[in-house]
C-alpha cells in the first residue's frame, strides 16, 4: 500500500502468498529480477483501490515470473491479475511468465478501464489447463499487446487461447506477436461502437459469440488483409442491426480476408454469415466467406 521497488540486488524472491498492490501505490520491479511463485500464488494489482505495476525489464535483463518448483509444470502458479483499480502506465515489458495459469489467465484483466495496460516483449509459456495466456474480461479494457510470444497453450480437454478479448479490445492486439503451436485468439463477441481498425494478428481468430458493428456515431470497422476469422456455430457478423454501422474488409489478392467455420470438420451452414441490416454499409474486397448459413439472414 506504499510505493515499493523489488531490486535485482535482493533477487530472487520466493513468493509464498499473494502479492497485492493497492492504496494508490506503485510496485516497481527492476530489470533482471526473478520472482519464484509457490503453488497457486499470484499478483493482484488494483483489486481494492488504485494501484500500478511497472515491471519493465530489458532485452538483456528480462524479469522472470516463474514457478518455485524444482520440477515445474503448467499452471503451478496463478498469474498476474490486473483489476479495476489499475492506473494508467501499468506495464509488463521484457519479461517471461512461465508455468502460470492456475485458476486465472497468466495475465488477466478484470474491470480494467480503457488504455491502462501495456504488454510488450513478453513470453508466456506452459499455461495451465483451462486458462488462457492473456484474458481481458472487460469489453473495452484494450490492453496494448505487442512483440509477445505464446507457447504451450492447452487445447485439450478444452480449447484455450493465447489471448481472449471482446470486440472493443481487439484493436489493442498488434501484428508483431507470435503464436507457437498454432495458438489462436478468442474474439468472444461484443459490439464495435466507435470507428476502429483491426490488424492481422497472424494467427486464426476464433469468434465464439456474435459480433456487431453499430452505434450512434456510425462506427466504421476496418479489417486488414490476411485475417482469418473462424466462427462458432450460430454466430455471425451483424452490421447496422439497431443503429448505423459500416464494415470495410480490405483483403488483397496476396492476402485475402477469410471468414469461415470454427468446426474441426467444417461443413455448409456451420455459422450464420454476415448480416447487413437497414442501417448498414459494407465494402468487402478480396474476401472469402465460406461454410456459412445458406438461408438469408440479412435485408
Protein backbone atom coordinates (compact mmCIF):
# COMPACT_ATOMS: atom_id res chain seq x y z
CA UNK A 1 0.00 0.00 0.00
CA UNK A 2 3.05 2.27 -0.31
CA UNK A 3 5.46 2.56 -3.23
CA UNK A 4 7.88 -0.35 -3.33
CA UNK A 5 10.74 -1.42 -5.62
CA UNK A 6 11.86 -5.02 -5.92
CA UNK A 7 15.56 -4.76 -6.69
CA UNK A 8 17.82 -7.06 -8.65
CA UNK A 9 20.28 -6.92 -5.76
CA UNK A 10 17.80 -8.74 -3.49
CA UNK A 11 16.65 -11.18 -6.19
CA UNK A 12 15.50 -13.94 -6.38
CA UNK A 13 12.28 -13.50 -4.40
CA UNK A 14 10.23 -16.52 -3.34
CA UNK A 15 6.53 -15.61 -3.26
CA UNK A 16 4.87 -17.64 -0.51
CA UNK A 17 1.50 -15.84 -0.58
CA UNK A 18 -0.35 -13.49 -2.96
CA UNK A 19 1.18 -10.07 -3.58
CA UNK A 20 -1.49 -7.35 -3.55
CA UNK A 21 -0.83 -3.79 -4.67
CA UNK A 22 -3.43 -1.20 -3.57
CA UNK A 23 -3.68 2.11 -1.70
CA UNK A 24 -2.58 4.27 -4.67
CA UNK A 25 0.81 2.54 -4.56
CA UNK A 26 3.18 1.61 -7.40
CA UNK A 27 5.09 -1.66 -7.39
CA UNK A 28 8.24 -1.30 -9.49
CA UNK A 29 10.22 -4.39 -10.49
CA UNK A 30 13.77 -3.79 -11.71
CA UNK A 31 15.27 -5.48 -14.78
CA UNK A 32 16.75 -8.88 -14.01
CA UNK A 33 14.55 -9.64 -11.01
CA UNK A 34 13.44 -13.26 -10.57
CA UNK A 35 10.15 -13.99 -8.79
CA UNK A 36 9.57 -17.64 -7.80
CA UNK A 37 5.88 -18.28 -7.16
CA UNK A 38 4.78 -21.15 -4.94
CA UNK A 39 1.67 -23.21 -5.74
CA UNK A 40 -1.44 -21.17 -6.62
CA UNK A 41 0.07 -17.82 -5.62
CA UNK A 42 -0.04 -14.74 -7.81
CA UNK A 43 0.00 -10.98 -8.03
CA UNK A 44 -3.06 -8.69 -7.79
CA UNK A 45 -2.93 -5.08 -8.98
CA UNK A 46 -5.67 -2.61 -8.02
CA UNK A 47 -8.13 -5.13 -6.63
CA UNK A 48 -9.44 -2.82 -3.89
CA UNK A 49 -8.37 0.68 -4.98
CA UNK A 50 -5.88 2.46 -7.24
CA UNK A 51 -2.51 0.83 -7.95
CA UNK A 52 0.13 0.47 -10.63
CA UNK A 53 2.60 -2.20 -11.69
CA UNK A 54 5.75 -1.17 -13.54
CA UNK A 55 7.62 -4.35 -14.45
CA UNK A 56 9.96 -3.18 -17.21
CA UNK A 57 12.89 -5.43 -17.94
CA UNK A 58 15.32 -5.02 -20.81
CA UNK A 59 16.32 -7.21 -23.75
CA UNK A 60 19.49 -8.28 -21.92
CA UNK A 61 18.00 -8.34 -18.41
CA UNK A 62 14.40 -9.58 -18.51
CA UNK A 63 12.16 -10.04 -15.48
CA UNK A 64 11.25 -13.67 -14.71
CA UNK A 65 7.86 -14.60 -13.22
CA UNK A 66 8.27 -18.37 -12.82
CA UNK A 67 7.41 -21.40 -10.72
CA UNK A 68 9.24 -22.03 -7.46
CA UNK A 69 9.03 -25.78 -8.04
CA UNK A 70 12.22 -27.65 -8.84
CA UNK A 71 10.13 -29.76 -11.27
CA UNK A 72 7.71 -27.16 -12.67
CA UNK A 73 4.55 -28.00 -14.57
CA UNK A 74 1.91 -25.97 -16.40
CA UNK A 75 -0.32 -23.97 -14.07
CA UNK A 76 1.90 -24.13 -10.99
CA UNK A 77 1.08 -20.52 -10.04
CA UNK A 78 -1.88 -18.25 -10.69
CA UNK A 79 -0.63 -15.30 -12.73
CA UNK A 80 -0.87 -11.51 -12.67
CA UNK A 81 -4.43 -10.24 -12.15
CA UNK A 82 -4.97 -6.59 -13.06
CA UNK A 83 -8.21 -5.23 -11.63
CA UNK A 84 -10.41 -2.15 -11.96
CA UNK A 85 -8.14 0.00 -9.78
CA UNK A 86 -5.21 -0.28 -12.18
CA UNK A 87 -3.79 3.13 -13.05
CA UNK A 88 -2.57 4.29 -16.42
CA UNK A 89 1.03 3.35 -17.10
CA UNK A 90 0.68 -0.19 -15.78
CA UNK A 91 3.12 -2.21 -17.85
CA UNK A 92 4.86 -5.55 -18.24
CA UNK A 93 7.78 -5.46 -20.65
CA UNK A 94 10.73 -7.71 -21.46
CA UNK A 95 9.50 -10.43 -19.14
CA UNK A 96 8.90 -14.17 -19.02
CA UNK A 97 5.78 -15.70 -17.43
CA UNK A 98 6.28 -19.46 -17.26
CA UNK A 99 4.15 -22.28 -15.78
CA UNK A 100 1.34 -19.85 -14.88
CA UNK A 101 -2.42 -20.10 -15.26
CA UNK A 102 -3.82 -21.72 -12.12
CA UNK A 103 -7.42 -20.53 -11.89
CA UNK A 104 -6.71 -17.33 -13.85
CA UNK A 105 -5.06 -16.40 -17.12
CA UNK A 106 -1.32 -15.77 -16.89
CA UNK A 107 -2.25 -12.07 -17.29
CA UNK A 108 -5.91 -11.38 -16.56
CA UNK A 109 -7.75 -8.06 -16.65
CA UNK A 110 -10.90 -7.73 -14.54
CA UNK A 111 -12.82 -4.48 -14.85
CA UNK A 112 -9.80 -2.58 -16.16
CA UNK A 113 -10.58 0.85 -17.62
CA UNK A 114 -9.55 1.50 -21.25
CA UNK A 115 -5.94 2.00 -22.30
CA UNK A 116 -4.35 1.48 -18.87
CA UNK A 117 -2.15 -1.56 -19.61
CA UNK A 118 0.81 -2.17 -21.94
CA UNK A 119 2.29 -5.63 -22.57
CA UNK A 120 5.40 -5.65 -24.76
CA UNK A 121 8.21 -8.14 -25.42
CA UNK A 122 6.72 -10.72 -23.06
CA UNK A 123 6.92 -14.52 -23.36
CA UNK A 124 4.09 -16.63 -21.93
CA UNK A 125 4.78 -20.36 -21.76
CA UNK A 126 3.32 -23.57 -20.25
CA UNK A 127 -0.15 -22.24 -19.47
CA UNK A 128 -2.32 -24.28 -17.10
CA UNK A 129 -5.21 -26.37 -18.41
CA UNK A 130 -8.41 -24.32 -18.52
CA UNK A 131 -6.61 -20.98 -18.67
CA UNK A 132 -5.62 -18.51 -21.38
CA UNK A 133 -2.37 -16.66 -21.89
CA UNK A 134 -3.93 -13.17 -21.66
CA UNK A 135 -7.60 -12.59 -20.91
CA UNK A 136 -9.48 -9.29 -20.81
CA UNK A 137 -12.78 -9.79 -19.00
CA UNK A 138 -13.94 -6.21 -19.63
CA UNK A 139 -15.06 -5.48 -23.18
CA UNK A 140 -13.20 -2.19 -23.62
CA UNK A 141 -10.06 -2.55 -21.49
CA UNK A 142 -7.97 -2.51 -24.69
CA UNK A 143 -4.60 -3.77 -23.46
CA UNK A 144 -1.82 -2.80 -25.89
CA UNK A 145 -0.20 -6.18 -26.68
CA UNK A 146 2.89 -6.25 -28.89
CA UNK A 147 6.02 -8.35 -29.54
CA UNK A 148 4.68 -11.07 -27.26
CA UNK A 149 5.30 -14.80 -27.75
CA UNK A 150 2.85 -17.52 -26.73
CA UNK A 151 3.86 -21.18 -26.41
CA UNK A 152 2.34 -24.34 -24.94
CA UNK A 153 -1.25 -23.08 -24.81
CA UNK A 154 -3.52 -26.04 -23.88
CA UNK A 155 -6.02 -27.29 -26.46
CA UNK A 156 -7.36 -30.27 -24.51
CA UNK A 157 -9.62 -31.15 -22.79
CA UNK A 158 -11.00 -27.79 -24.00
CA UNK A 159 -9.62 -25.26 -26.45
CA UNK A 160 -7.80 -22.43 -24.68
CA UNK A 161 -6.38 -19.30 -26.27
CA UNK A 162 -3.26 -17.18 -26.40
CA UNK A 163 -5.43 -14.06 -25.99
CA UNK A 164 -9.14 -13.75 -25.21
CA UNK A 165 -10.92 -10.41 -25.73
CA UNK A 166 -14.24 -8.89 -26.73
CA UNK A 167 -14.64 -6.79 -29.87
CA UNK A 168 -13.87 -3.32 -28.40
CA UNK A 169 -10.48 -4.57 -27.15
CA UNK A 170 -9.36 -6.41 -30.28
CA UNK A 171 -7.71 -3.28 -31.73
CA UNK A 172 -5.07 -3.43 -28.98
CA UNK A 173 -3.59 -6.64 -30.43
CA UNK A 174 -0.63 -5.79 -32.66
CA UNK A 175 0.60 -7.79 -35.65
CA UNK A 176 4.05 -8.26 -34.04
CA UNK A 177 3.06 -11.09 -31.68
CA UNK A 178 4.00 -14.76 -32.29
CA UNK A 179 1.92 -17.85 -31.58
CA UNK A 180 3.69 -21.18 -31.16
CA UNK A 181 1.88 -24.40 -31.98
CA UNK A 182 -0.89 -22.60 -33.84
CA UNK A 183 -2.36 -20.99 -30.72
CA UNK A 184 -5.44 -18.93 -31.57
CA UNK A 185 -7.03 -15.71 -30.34
CA UNK A 186 -10.58 -15.79 -28.97
CA UNK A 187 -12.89 -12.97 -30.01
CA UNK A 188 -15.79 -13.55 -27.62
CA UNK A 189 -18.36 -11.32 -29.30
CA UNK A 190 -19.26 -7.74 -28.48
CA UNK A 191 -20.09 -4.51 -30.28
CA UNK A 192 -17.84 -2.16 -32.23
CA UNK A 193 -19.50 1.19 -31.42
CA UNK A 194 -16.63 3.56 -32.33
CA UNK A 195 -14.56 3.53 -35.51
CA UNK A 196 -11.60 1.19 -35.21
CA UNK A 197 -9.02 -0.71 -37.25
CA UNK A 198 -8.26 -4.39 -36.70
CA UNK A 199 -4.78 -5.53 -37.66
CA UNK A 200 -4.00 -9.02 -38.89
CA UNK A 201 -2.64 -10.77 -35.77
CA UNK A 202 -1.04 -13.53 -37.89
CA UNK A 203 -2.94 -16.36 -36.22
CA UNK A 204 -6.55 -17.55 -36.64
CA UNK A 205 -9.24 -15.79 -34.61
CA UNK A 206 -11.97 -17.94 -33.03
CA UNK A 207 -15.22 -15.95 -32.94
CA UNK A 208 -17.23 -17.58 -30.16
CA UNK A 209 -20.18 -15.17 -29.91
CA UNK A 210 -21.95 -12.69 -32.21
CA UNK A 211 -20.12 -9.59 -33.41
CA UNK A 212 -21.98 -6.31 -34.01
CA UNK A 213 -20.94 -3.11 -35.80
CA UNK A 214 -23.30 -0.27 -34.89
CA UNK A 215 -23.58 2.89 -32.81
CA UNK A 216 -24.85 6.44 -32.56
CA UNK A 217 -21.68 7.79 -34.21
CA UNK A 218 -21.95 5.45 -37.25
CA UNK A 219 -18.79 3.47 -36.45
CA UNK A 220 -16.58 2.03 -39.17
CA UNK A 221 -14.85 -1.31 -38.57
CA UNK A 222 -11.87 -1.75 -40.92
CA UNK A 223 -10.35 -5.24 -41.13
CA UNK A 224 -6.81 -5.52 -42.51
CA UNK A 225 -5.75 -8.01 -45.15
CA UNK A 226 -4.79 -11.56 -44.24
CA UNK A 227 -7.03 -12.04 -41.21
CA UNK A 228 -8.66 -15.46 -40.68
CA UNK A 229 -11.87 -15.41 -38.64
CA UNK A 230 -13.36 -18.76 -37.64
CA UNK A 231 -16.95 -18.55 -36.39
CA UNK A 232 -18.52 -20.93 -33.87
CA UNK A 233 -21.95 -22.43 -34.65
CA UNK A 234 -24.88 -19.99 -34.58
CA UNK A 235 -22.61 -16.94 -34.54
CA UNK A 236 -22.15 -14.27 -37.17
CA UNK A 237 -21.19 -10.70 -38.02
CA UNK A 238 -24.11 -8.27 -37.83
CA UNK A 239 -23.79 -4.76 -39.26
CA UNK A 240 -26.30 -1.97 -38.64
CA UNK A 241 -28.67 -4.15 -36.62
CA UNK A 242 -30.03 -1.46 -34.25
CA UNK A 243 -28.03 1.63 -35.28
CA UNK A 244 -25.92 2.61 -38.27
CA UNK A 245 -22.60 0.89 -38.87
CA UNK A 246 -20.09 0.34 -41.65
CA UNK A 247 -17.89 -2.67 -42.40
CA UNK A 248 -14.76 -2.38 -44.54
CA UNK A 249 -12.88 -5.61 -45.27
CA UNK A 250 -9.61 -4.80 -47.02
CA UNK A 251 -8.27 -8.08 -48.34
CA UNK A 252 -5.76 -8.23 -51.18
CA UNK A 253 -5.03 -10.78 -53.91
CA UNK A 254 -1.98 -11.96 -51.96
CA UNK A 255 -3.64 -11.81 -48.52
CA UNK A 256 -7.42 -12.18 -48.67
CA UNK A 257 -9.55 -11.99 -45.52
CA UNK A 258 -11.18 -15.34 -44.70
CA UNK A 259 -14.40 -15.77 -42.73
CA UNK A 260 -15.17 -19.44 -42.17
CA UNK A 261 -16.22 -22.14 -39.71
CA UNK A 262 -14.54 -22.91 -36.39
CA UNK A 263 -15.59 -26.56 -36.57
CA UNK A 264 -12.75 -29.05 -36.85
CA UNK A 265 -14.68 -30.77 -39.66
CA UNK A 266 -16.38 -27.80 -41.32
CA UNK A 267 -19.49 -28.13 -43.44
CA UNK A 268 -22.08 -25.91 -45.15
CA UNK A 269 -24.20 -23.85 -42.78
CA UNK A 270 -21.86 -24.08 -39.80
CA UNK A 271 -22.23 -20.38 -38.90
CA UNK A 272 -24.72 -17.61 -39.59
CA UNK A 273 -22.74 -15.44 -42.01
CA UNK A 274 -22.69 -11.65 -42.48
CA UNK A 275 -25.99 -9.86 -41.85
CA UNK A 276 -26.40 -6.37 -43.35
CA UNK A 277 -29.40 -4.58 -41.91
CA UNK A 278 -31.20 -1.38 -42.93
CA UNK A 279 -28.62 1.00 -41.44
CA UNK A 280 -25.60 -0.94 -42.72
CA UNK A 281 -22.92 -0.05 -45.24
CA UNK A 282 -20.26 -2.53 -46.30
CA UNK A 283 -17.32 -2.93 -48.65
CA UNK A 284 -15.69 -6.36 -48.97
CA UNK A 285 -12.59 -6.67 -51.11
CA UNK A 286 -10.79 -9.96 -51.74
CA UNK A 287 -12.77 -11.74 -49.05
CA UNK A 288 -13.67 -15.42 -48.78
CA UNK A 289 -16.89 -16.25 -46.91
CA UNK A 290 -17.35 -20.00 -46.56
CA UNK A 291 -19.30 -22.63 -44.65
CA UNK A 292 -21.92 -20.06 -43.67
CA UNK A 293 -25.69 -20.45 -43.40
CA UNK A 294 -27.42 -20.97 -46.73
CA UNK A 295 -30.58 -19.08 -45.79
CA UNK A 296 -30.93 -15.29 -45.99
CA UNK A 297 -30.43 -13.68 -42.59
CA UNK A 298 -29.99 -10.03 -43.63
CA UNK A 299 -32.01 -7.48 -45.54
